[in-house]
Amino acid sequence: MSAAYGRVTTLWDVSFTVAEGEIVTLIGSNGAGKTTTLRVLSGLLPVRTGSVQFDGHDLSRLRSDQIVGLGIVHVPEGRLLWPRLSVEENLILGAYLPKAKAKRKENLERVFAQFPTLRERRNQLAGTLSGGERQMCAIARGLMSVPRLLMLDEPSLGLSPRLVGEIFQTILGLHELGITVLLVEQNVHRALEIAQRGYVLELGRVAKSGSGQQLLADPHVKAAYLGL
């Protein structure tokens, strides 16, 4: 598919697949088109040419809420929590569609079990959380919609090395629960370590693809993104 902001094309014939049960990562420099790709998949930016297919559905013809209803959840860069609402209120707002709302209490207990710190902070204003806690809350809010595909945009951005490790352990834990993950991440080495497959975006095009280990060993990826 291709996509544009106004008259400016930002994605050119981008094509990739994510199989059920995989962790797939998109890597590339700033401005390569990674976030734009997630916005297209979420229905926030229209497809100019081509299509996006998910389980037999053409996402390019659907609204964002319909896409979420199919099980695709986007956790955006920057967390984008409601800072003056409590942690629990932020989580509840993640279950706004009828299917998720019907199991809201059950899902809330599930995410509190996965993120015990959020249970402790449930009545705390989201704006007063630490960076790592805000990221956990953003991921947990996404899980309230019971996703089949969880799209994470820069989940470790701005976090300390210790918290980065916790975030990646969280992603692995979600994968073990059967959630398919599409990961956009500036920590290229850690992303490729946990991904089954990866795609390199450069100037809005897919420049390379392969398994995580293949891309870690690729000379171009080493030089351009790993500083080796």
C-alpha atoms as a PDB file:
ATOM      1  CA  MET A   1       0.000   0.000   0.000  1.00  0.00           C
ATOM      2  CA  SER A   2       0.916   3.651  -0.387  1.00  0.00           C
ATOM      3  CA  ALA A   3      -0.142   6.544   1.810  1.00  0.00           C
ATOM      4  CA  ALA A   4       0.265  10.309   1.957  1.00  0.00           C
ATOM      5  CA  TYR A   5      -0.215  13.349   4.143  1.00  0.00           C
ATOM      6  CA  GLY A   6      -2.042  15.662   1.780  1.00  0.00           C
ATOM      7  CA  ARG A   7      -0.038  15.767  -1.448  1.00  0.00           C
ATOM      8  CA  VAL A   8       3.129  14.419   0.170  1.00  0.00           C
ATOM      9  CA  THR A   9       3.512  10.656  -0.317  1.00  0.00           C
ATOM     10  CA  THR A  10       5.201   9.077   2.709  1.00  0.00           C
ATOM     11  CA  LEU A  11       4.774   5.353   2.012  1.00  0.00           C
ATOM     12  CA  TRP A  12       5.596   3.848  -1.385  1.00  0.00           C
ATOM     13  CA  ASP A  13       4.314   0.347  -2.207  1.00  0.00           C
ATOM     14  CA  VAL A  14       4.959  -0.945   1.315  1.00  0.00           C
ATOM     15  CA  SER A  15       4.165  -4.649   1.560  1.00  0.00           C
ATOM     16  CA  PHE A  16       4.668  -6.973   4.522  1.00  0.00           C
ATOM     17  CA  THR A  17       2.899  -9.749   6.403  1.00  0.00           C
ATOM     18  CA  VAL A  18       2.313 -10.550  10.054  1.00  0.00           C
ATOM     19  CA  ALA A  19       1.314 -14.138  10.779  1.00  0.00           C
ATOM     20  CA  GLU A  20      -0.825 -15.088  13.742  1.00  0.00           C
ATOM     21  CA  GLY A  21       1.305 -15.702  16.823  1.00  0.00           C
ATOM     22  CA  GLU A  22       4.360 -13.772  15.591  1.00  0.00           C
ATOM     23  CA  ILE A  23       6.297 -10.807  16.866  1.00  0.00           C
ATOM     24  CA  VAL A  24       7.186  -8.735  13.807  1.00  0.00           C
ATOM     25  CA  THR A  25       9.186  -5.523  14.066  1.00  0.00           C
ATOM     26  CA  LEU A  26       9.482  -2.529  11.760  1.00  0.00           C
ATOM     27  CA  ILE A  27      12.815  -0.750  12.063  1.00  0.00           C
ATOM     28  CA  GLY A  28      14.221   2.339  10.406  1.00  0.00           C
ATOM     29  CA  SER A  29      15.455   5.842  11.081  1.00  0.00           C
ATOM     30  CA  ASN A  30      13.236   8.765  12.092  1.00  0.00           C
ATOM     31  CA  GLY A  31      10.980   9.707   9.205  1.00  0.00           C
ATOM     32  CA  ALA A  32      11.261   6.314   7.515  1.00  0.00           C
ATOM     33  CA  GLY A  33       7.496   5.748   7.713  1.00  0.00           C
ATOM     34  CA  LYS A  34       7.139   3.404  10.698  1.00  0.00           C
ATOM     35  CA  THR A  35       4.573   5.406  12.653  1.00  0.00           C
ATOM     36  CA  THR A  36       2.773   6.306   9.428  1.00  0.00           C
ATOM     37  CA  THR A  37       2.423   2.598   8.678  1.00  0.00           C
ATOM     38  CA  LEU A  38       0.761   1.971  12.045  1.00  0.00           C
ATOM     39  CA  ARG A  39      -1.553   4.933  11.497  1.00  0.00           C
ATOM     40  CA  VAL A  40      -2.657   3.435   8.179  1.00  0.00           C
ATOM     41  CA  LEU A  41      -3.279   0.038   9.773  1.00  0.00           C
ATOM     42  CA  SER A  42      -5.336   1.741  12.509  1.00  0.00           C
ATOM     43  CA  GLY A  43      -7.465   3.649  10.016  1.00  0.00           C
ATOM     44  CA  LEU A  44      -6.111   7.024  11.184  1.00  0.00           C
ATOM     45  CA  LEU A  45      -4.604   7.702   7.767  1.00  0.00           C
ATOM     46  CA  PRO A  46      -6.277   6.578   4.540  1.00  0.00           C
ATOM     47  CA  VAL A  47      -4.673   4.212   2.060  1.00  0.00           C
ATOM     48  CA  ARG A  48      -3.864   6.024  -1.181  1.00  0.00           C
ATOM     49  CA  THR A  49      -3.287   2.888  -3.280  1.00  0.00           C
ATOM     50  CA  GLY A  50      -3.329  -0.803  -2.462  1.00  0.00           C
ATOM     51  CA  SER A  51      -5.053  -2.344   0.533  1.00  0.00           C
ATOM     52  CA  VAL A  52      -4.590  -3.695   4.053  1.00  0.00           C
ATOM     53  CA  GLN A  53      -5.969  -7.183   4.640  1.00  0.00           C
ATOM     54  CA  PHE A  54      -6.691  -8.688   8.061  1.00  0.00           C
ATOM     55  CA  ASP A  55      -8.340 -12.086   8.377  1.00  0.00           C
ATOM     56  CA  GLY A  56     -10.234 -11.594   5.125  1.00  0.00           C
ATOM     57  CA  HIS A  57     -11.276  -7.995   5.839  1.00  0.00           C
ATOM     58  CA  ASP A  58     -10.114  -5.001   3.804  1.00  0.00           C
ATOM     59  CA  LEU A  59      -9.169  -2.504   6.507  1.00  0.00           C
ATOM     60  CA  SER A  60      -8.897   0.336   4.018  1.00  0.00           C
ATOM     61  CA  ARG A  61     -12.699   0.356   3.828  1.00  0.00           C
ATOM     62  CA  LEU A  62     -13.290   0.435   7.601  1.00  0.00           C
ATOM     63  CA  ARG A  63     -13.423   3.102  10.308  1.00  0.00           C
ATOM     64  CA  SER A  64     -10.976   3.028  13.205  1.00  0.00           C
ATOM     65  CA  ASP A  65     -13.581   1.733  15.662  1.00  0.00           C
ATOM     66  CA  GLN A  66     -14.456  -1.095  13.263  1.00  0.00           C
ATOM     67  CA  ILE A  67     -10.772  -1.983  12.999  1.00  0.00           C
ATOM     68  CA  VAL A  68     -10.508  -2.140  16.792  1.00  0.00           C
ATOM     69  CA  GLY A  69     -13.620  -4.311  16.767  1.00  0.00           C
ATOM     70  CA  LEU A  70     -11.772  -6.835  14.594  1.00  0.00           C
ATOM     71  CA  GLY A  71      -9.082  -7.106  17.275  1.00  0.00           C
ATOM     72  CA  ILE A  72      -6.399  -4.634  16.122  1.00  0.00           C
ATOM     73  CA  VAL A  73      -5.208  -2.302  18.867  1.00  0.00           C
ATOM     74  CA  HIS A  74      -2.673   0.522  18.471  1.00  0.00           C
ATOM     75  CA  VAL A  75      -0.653   1.691  21.491  1.00  0.00           C
ATOM     76  CA  PRO A  76       0.712   5.008  20.183  1.00  0.00           C
ATOM     77  CA  GLU A  77       4.065   6.637  20.695  1.00  0.00           C
ATOM     78  CA  GLY A  78       4.052   8.931  23.728  1.00  0.00           C
ATOM     79  CA  ARG A  79       1.517   6.802  25.687  1.00  0.00           C
ATOM     80  CA  LEU A  80      -1.279   9.447  25.246  1.00  0.00           C
ATOM     81  CA  LEU A  81      -2.979   8.745  28.566  1.00  0.00           C
ATOM     82  CA  TRP A  82      -5.571  11.086  30.053  1.00  0.00           C
ATOM     83  CA  PRO A  83      -3.376  12.629  32.773  1.00  0.00           C
ATOM     84  CA  ARG A  84      -6.193  13.955  34.966  1.00  0.00           C
ATOM     85  CA  LEU A  85      -8.017  10.629  35.051  1.00  0.00           C
ATOM     86  CA  SER A  86      -7.036   7.791  37.347  1.00  0.00           C
ATOM     87  CA  VAL A  87      -5.206   4.693  36.173  1.00  0.00           C
ATOM     88  CA  GLU A  88      -8.404   2.663  36.454  1.00  0.00           C
ATOM     89  CA  GLU A  89     -10.410   5.249  34.509  1.00  0.00           C
ATOM     90  CA  ASN A  90      -7.813   5.192  31.728  1.00  0.00           C
ATOM     91  CA  LEU A  91      -8.027   1.404  31.583  1.00  0.00           C
ATOM     92  CA  ILE A  92     -11.820   1.398  31.502  1.00  0.00           C
ATOM     93  CA  LEU A  93     -11.756   3.764  28.518  1.00  0.00           C
ATOM     94  CA  GLY A  94      -9.824   1.076  26.649  1.00  0.00           C
ATOM     95  CA  ALA A  95     -12.935  -1.119  26.752  1.00  0.00           C
ATOM     96  CA  TYR A  96     -15.399   1.187  25.024  1.00  0.00           C
ATOM     97  CA  LEU A  97     -16.643  -1.151  22.296  1.00  0.00           C
ATOM     98  CA  PRO A  98     -19.651  -3.315  23.231  1.00  0.00           C
ATOM     99  CA  LYS A  99     -17.781  -6.637  23.076  1.00  0.00           C
ATOM    100  CA  ALA A 100     -15.011  -5.420  25.371  1.00  0.00           C
ATOM    101  CA  LYS A 101     -17.387  -3.478  27.612  1.00  0.00           C
ATOM    102  CA  ALA A 102     -19.353  -6.651  28.326  1.00  0.00           C
ATOM    103  CA  LYS A 103     -16.220  -8.221  29.837  1.00  0.00           C
ATOM    104  CA  ARG A 104     -14.805  -5.044  31.364  1.00  0.00           C
ATOM    105  CA  LYS A 105     -14.557  -6.278  34.963  1.00  0.00           C
ATOM    106  CA  GLU A 106     -13.021  -9.571  33.883  1.00  0.00           C
ATOM    107  CA  ASN A 107     -10.507  -7.835  31.630  1.00  0.00           C
ATOM    108  CA  LEU A 108      -9.660  -5.281  34.305  1.00  0.00           C
ATOM    109  CA  GLU A 109      -8.765  -8.062  36.730  1.00  0.00           C
ATOM    110  CA  ARG A 110      -6.711  -9.740  34.021  1.00  0.00           C
ATOM    111  CA  VAL A 111      -4.598  -6.663  33.327  1.00  0.00           C
ATOM    112  CA  PHE A 112      -4.184  -5.979  37.048  1.00  0.00           C
ATOM    113  CA  ALA A 113      -2.861  -9.542  37.389  1.00  0.00           C
ATOM    114  CA  GLN A 114      -0.430  -8.898  34.531  1.00  0.00           C
ATOM    115  CA  PHE A 115       0.599  -5.481  35.877  1.00  0.00           C
ATOM    116  CA  PRO A 116       0.436  -5.601  39.709  1.00  0.00           C
ATOM    117  CA  THR A 117       1.850  -2.086  40.000  1.00  0.00           C
ATOM    118  CA  LEU A 118      -1.192  -0.729  38.185  1.00  0.00           C
ATOM    119  CA  ARG A 119      -3.468  -2.382  40.741  1.00  0.00           C
ATOM    120  CA  GLU A 120      -1.552  -0.538  43.456  1.00  0.00           C
ATOM    121  CA  ARG A 121      -1.861   2.717  41.485  1.00  0.00           C
ATOM    122  CA  ARG A 122      -5.434   2.207  40.303  1.00  0.00           C
ATOM    123  CA  ASN A 123      -6.725   5.383  42.020  1.00  0.00           C
ATOM    124  CA  GLN A 124      -3.656   7.488  41.213  1.00  0.00           C
ATOM    125  CA  LEU A 125      -3.840  10.144  38.490  1.00  0.00           C
ATOM    126  CA  ALA A 126      -2.185   8.842  35.336  1.00  0.00           C
ATOM    127  CA  GLY A 127      -0.258  12.087  34.941  1.00  0.00           C
ATOM    128  CA  THR A 128       1.632  11.401  38.184  1.00  0.00           C
ATOM    129  CA  LEU A 129       2.961   7.988  37.120  1.00  0.00           C
ATOM    130  CA  SER A 130       6.602   7.385  36.259  1.00  0.00           C
ATOM    131  CA  GLY A 131       7.566   6.922  32.603  1.00  0.00           C
ATOM    132  CA  GLY A 132       7.660   3.147  32.903  1.00  0.00           C
ATOM    133  CA  GLU A 133       4.339   3.049  34.735  1.00  0.00           C
ATOM    134  CA  ARG A 134       2.722   5.245  32.077  1.00  0.00           C
ATOM    135  CA  GLN A 135       3.924   2.869  29.369  1.00  0.00           C
ATOM    136  CA  MET A 136       2.575  -0.128  31.299  1.00  0.00           C
ATOM    137  CA  CYS A 137      -0.748   1.694  31.668  1.00  0.00           C
ATOM    138  CA  ALA A 138      -0.880   2.445  27.934  1.00  0.00           C
ATOM    139  CA  ILE A 139      -0.231  -1.209  27.068  1.00  0.00           C
ATOM    140  CA  ALA A 140      -2.774  -2.373  29.654  1.00  0.00           C
ATOM    141  CA  ARG A 141      -5.361   0.038  28.231  1.00  0.00           C
ATOM    142  CA  GLY A 142      -4.808  -1.578  24.839  1.00  0.00           C
ATOM    143  CA  LEU A 143      -5.276  -5.027  26.347  1.00  0.00           C
ATOM    144  CA  MET A 144      -8.694  -4.006  27.678  1.00  0.00           C
ATOM    145  CA  SER A 145      -9.953  -4.330  24.089  1.00  0.00           C
ATOM    146  CA  VAL A 146      -8.810  -7.993  24.003  1.00  0.00           C
ATOM    147  CA  PRO A 147      -6.611  -7.580  20.910  1.00  0.00           C
ATOM    148  CA  ARG A 148      -5.651 -10.252  18.431  1.00  0.00           C
ATOM    149  CA  LEU A 149      -2.970  -7.950  17.022  1.00  0.00           C
ATOM    150  CA  LEU A 150      -1.260  -5.472  19.342  1.00  0.00           C
ATOM    151  CA  MET A 151       0.664  -2.687  17.595  1.00  0.00           C
ATOM    152  CA  LEU A 152       3.234  -0.967  19.810  1.00  0.00           C
ATOM    153  CA  ASP A 153       4.845   2.286  18.692  1.00  0.00           C
ATOM    154  CA  GLU A 154       8.169   3.038  20.441  1.00  0.00           C
ATOM    155  CA  PRO A 155       7.256   1.455  23.793  1.00  0.00           C
ATOM    156  CA  SER A 156      10.745   1.911  25.282  1.00  0.00           C
ATOM    157  CA  LEU A 157      11.255   5.519  24.173  1.00  0.00           C
ATOM    158  CA  GLY A 158      12.640   7.704  26.955  1.00  0.00           C
ATOM    159  CA  LEU A 159      12.912   4.921  29.527  1.00  0.00           C
ATOM    160  CA  SER A 160      15.934   3.925  31.613  1.00  0.00           C
ATOM    161  CA  PRO A 161      17.831   0.744  30.631  1.00  0.00           C
ATOM    162  CA  ARG A 162      16.232  -1.158  33.517  1.00  0.00           C
ATOM    163  CA  LEU A 163      12.718  -0.159  32.450  1.00  0.00           C
ATOM    164  CA  VAL A 164      13.523  -0.937  28.824  1.00  0.00           C
ATOM    165  CA  GLY A 165      14.292  -4.483  29.922  1.00  0.00           C
ATOM    166  CA  GLU A 166      10.964  -4.678  31.755  1.00  0.00           C
ATOM    167  CA  ILE A 167       9.056  -3.462  28.709  1.00  0.00           C
ATOM    168  CA  PHE A 168      10.617  -6.112  26.482  1.00  0.00           C
ATOM    169  CA  GLN A 169       9.895  -8.811  29.052  1.00  0.00           C
ATOM    170  CA  THR A 170       6.291  -7.590  29.059  1.00  0.00           C
ATOM    171  CA  ILE A 171       6.108  -7.892  25.275  1.00  0.00           C
ATOM    172  CA  LEU A 172       7.468 -11.441  25.442  1.00  0.00           C
ATOM    173  CA  GLY A 173       4.930 -12.272  28.138  1.00  0.00           C
ATOM    174  CA  LEU A 174       2.054 -10.994  25.992  1.00  0.00           C
ATOM    175  CA  HIS A 175       3.360 -13.036  23.073  1.00  0.00           C
ATOM    176  CA  GLU A 176       3.368 -16.143  25.258  1.00  0.00           C
ATOM    177  CA  LEU A 177      -0.304 -15.467  25.995  1.00  0.00           C
ATOM    178  CA  GLY A 178      -0.995 -15.782  22.262  1.00  0.00           C
ATOM    179  CA  ILE A 179      -1.154 -12.113  21.304  1.00  0.00           C
ATOM    180  CA  THR A 180       0.345 -11.260  17.924  1.00  0.00           C
ATOM    181  CA  VAL A 181       2.611  -8.199  18.133  1.00  0.00           C
ATOM    182  CA  LEU A 182       3.657  -5.643  15.512  1.00  0.00           C
ATOM    183  CA  LEU A 183       6.451  -3.618  17.078  1.00  0.00           C
ATOM    184  CA  VAL A 184       7.929  -0.274  16.030  1.00  0.00           C
ATOM    185  CA  GLU A 185      10.972   0.333  18.181  1.00  0.00           C
ATOM    186  CA  GLN A 186      14.018   2.613  18.158  1.00  0.00           C
ATOM    187  CA  ASN A 187      15.984   0.076  20.220  1.00  0.00           C
ATOM    188  CA  VAL A 188      16.752  -1.967  17.122  1.00  0.00           C
ATOM    189  CA  HIS A 189      18.938  -4.582  18.789  1.00  0.00           C
ATOM    190  CA  ARG A 190      16.381  -5.478  21.464  1.00  0.00           C
ATOM    191  CA  ALA A 191      13.536  -5.467  18.930  1.00  0.00           C
ATOM    192  CA  LEU A 192      15.293  -7.859  16.554  1.00  0.00           C
ATOM    193  CA  GLU A 193      16.311 -10.114  19.447  1.00  0.00           C
ATOM    194  CA  ILE A 194      12.685 -10.870  20.330  1.00  0.00           C
ATOM    195  CA  ALA A 195      11.128 -10.713  16.833  1.00  0.00           C
ATOM    196  CA  GLN A 196      10.553 -13.728  14.637  1.00  0.00           C
ATOM    197  CA  ARG A 197      10.782 -11.464  11.582  1.00  0.00           C
ATOM    198  CA  GLY A 198      11.578  -7.861  10.770  1.00  0.00           C
ATOM    199  CA  TYR A 199      11.300  -5.305   7.989  1.00  0.00           C
ATOM    200  CA  VAL A 200      13.588  -2.329   7.418  1.00  0.00           C
ATOM    201  CA  LEU A 201      11.817   0.822   6.227  1.00  0.00           C
ATOM    202  CA  GLU A 202      13.896   3.455   4.465  1.00  0.00           C
ATOM    203  CA  LEU A 203      12.347   6.594   2.982  1.00  0.00           C
ATOM    204  CA  GLY A 204       8.889   5.051   2.982  1.00  0.00           C
ATOM    205  CA  ARG A 205       9.864   1.798   1.295  1.00  0.00           C
ATOM    206  CA  VAL A 206      10.702  -1.694   2.523  1.00  0.00           C
ATOM    207  CA  ALA A 207      14.461  -1.957   1.947  1.00  0.00           C
ATOM    208  CA  LYS A 208      15.154  -5.299   3.644  1.00  0.00           C
ATOM    209  CA  SER A 209      13.364  -8.127   5.394  1.00  0.00           C
ATOM    210  CA  GLY A 210      14.260 -11.357   7.132  1.00  0.00           C
ATOM    211  CA  SER A 211      14.249 -13.136  10.454  1.00  0.00           C
ATOM    212  CA  GLY A 212      15.308 -11.165  13.491  1.00  0.00           C
ATOM    213  CA  GLN A 213      18.618 -13.019  13.618  1.00  0.00           C
ATOM    214  CA  GLN A 214      19.255 -12.515   9.906  1.00  0.00           C
ATOM    215  CA  LEU A 215      18.769  -8.769  10.223  1.00  0.00           C
ATOM    216  CA  LEU A 216      20.960  -8.617  13.329  1.00  0.00           C
ATOM    217  CA  ALA A 217      23.749 -10.187  11.260  1.00  0.00           C
ATOM    218  CA  ASP A 218      23.151  -8.057   8.157  1.00  0.00           C
ATOM    219  CA  PRO A 219      26.103  -5.684   7.485  1.00  0.00           C
ATOM    220  CA  HIS A 220      23.851  -2.809   6.388  1.00  0.00           C
ATOM    221  CA  VAL A 221      21.643  -3.094   9.483  1.00  0.00           C
ATOM    222  CA  LYS A 222      24.728  -3.299  11.701  1.00  0.00           C
ATOM    223  CA  ALA A 223      26.229  -0.166  10.186  1.00  0.00           C
ATOM    224  CA  ALA A 224      23.053   1.905   9.850  1.00  0.00           C
ATOM    225  CA  TYR A 225      21.134   1.006  13.003  1.00  0.00           C
ATOM    226  CA  LEU A 226      23.402  -0.801  15.464  1.00  0.00           C
ATOM    227  CA  GLY A 227      26.495   1.380  15.238  1.00  0.00           C
ATOM    228  CA  LEU A 228      28.716  -1.596  14.399  1.00  0.00           C
END
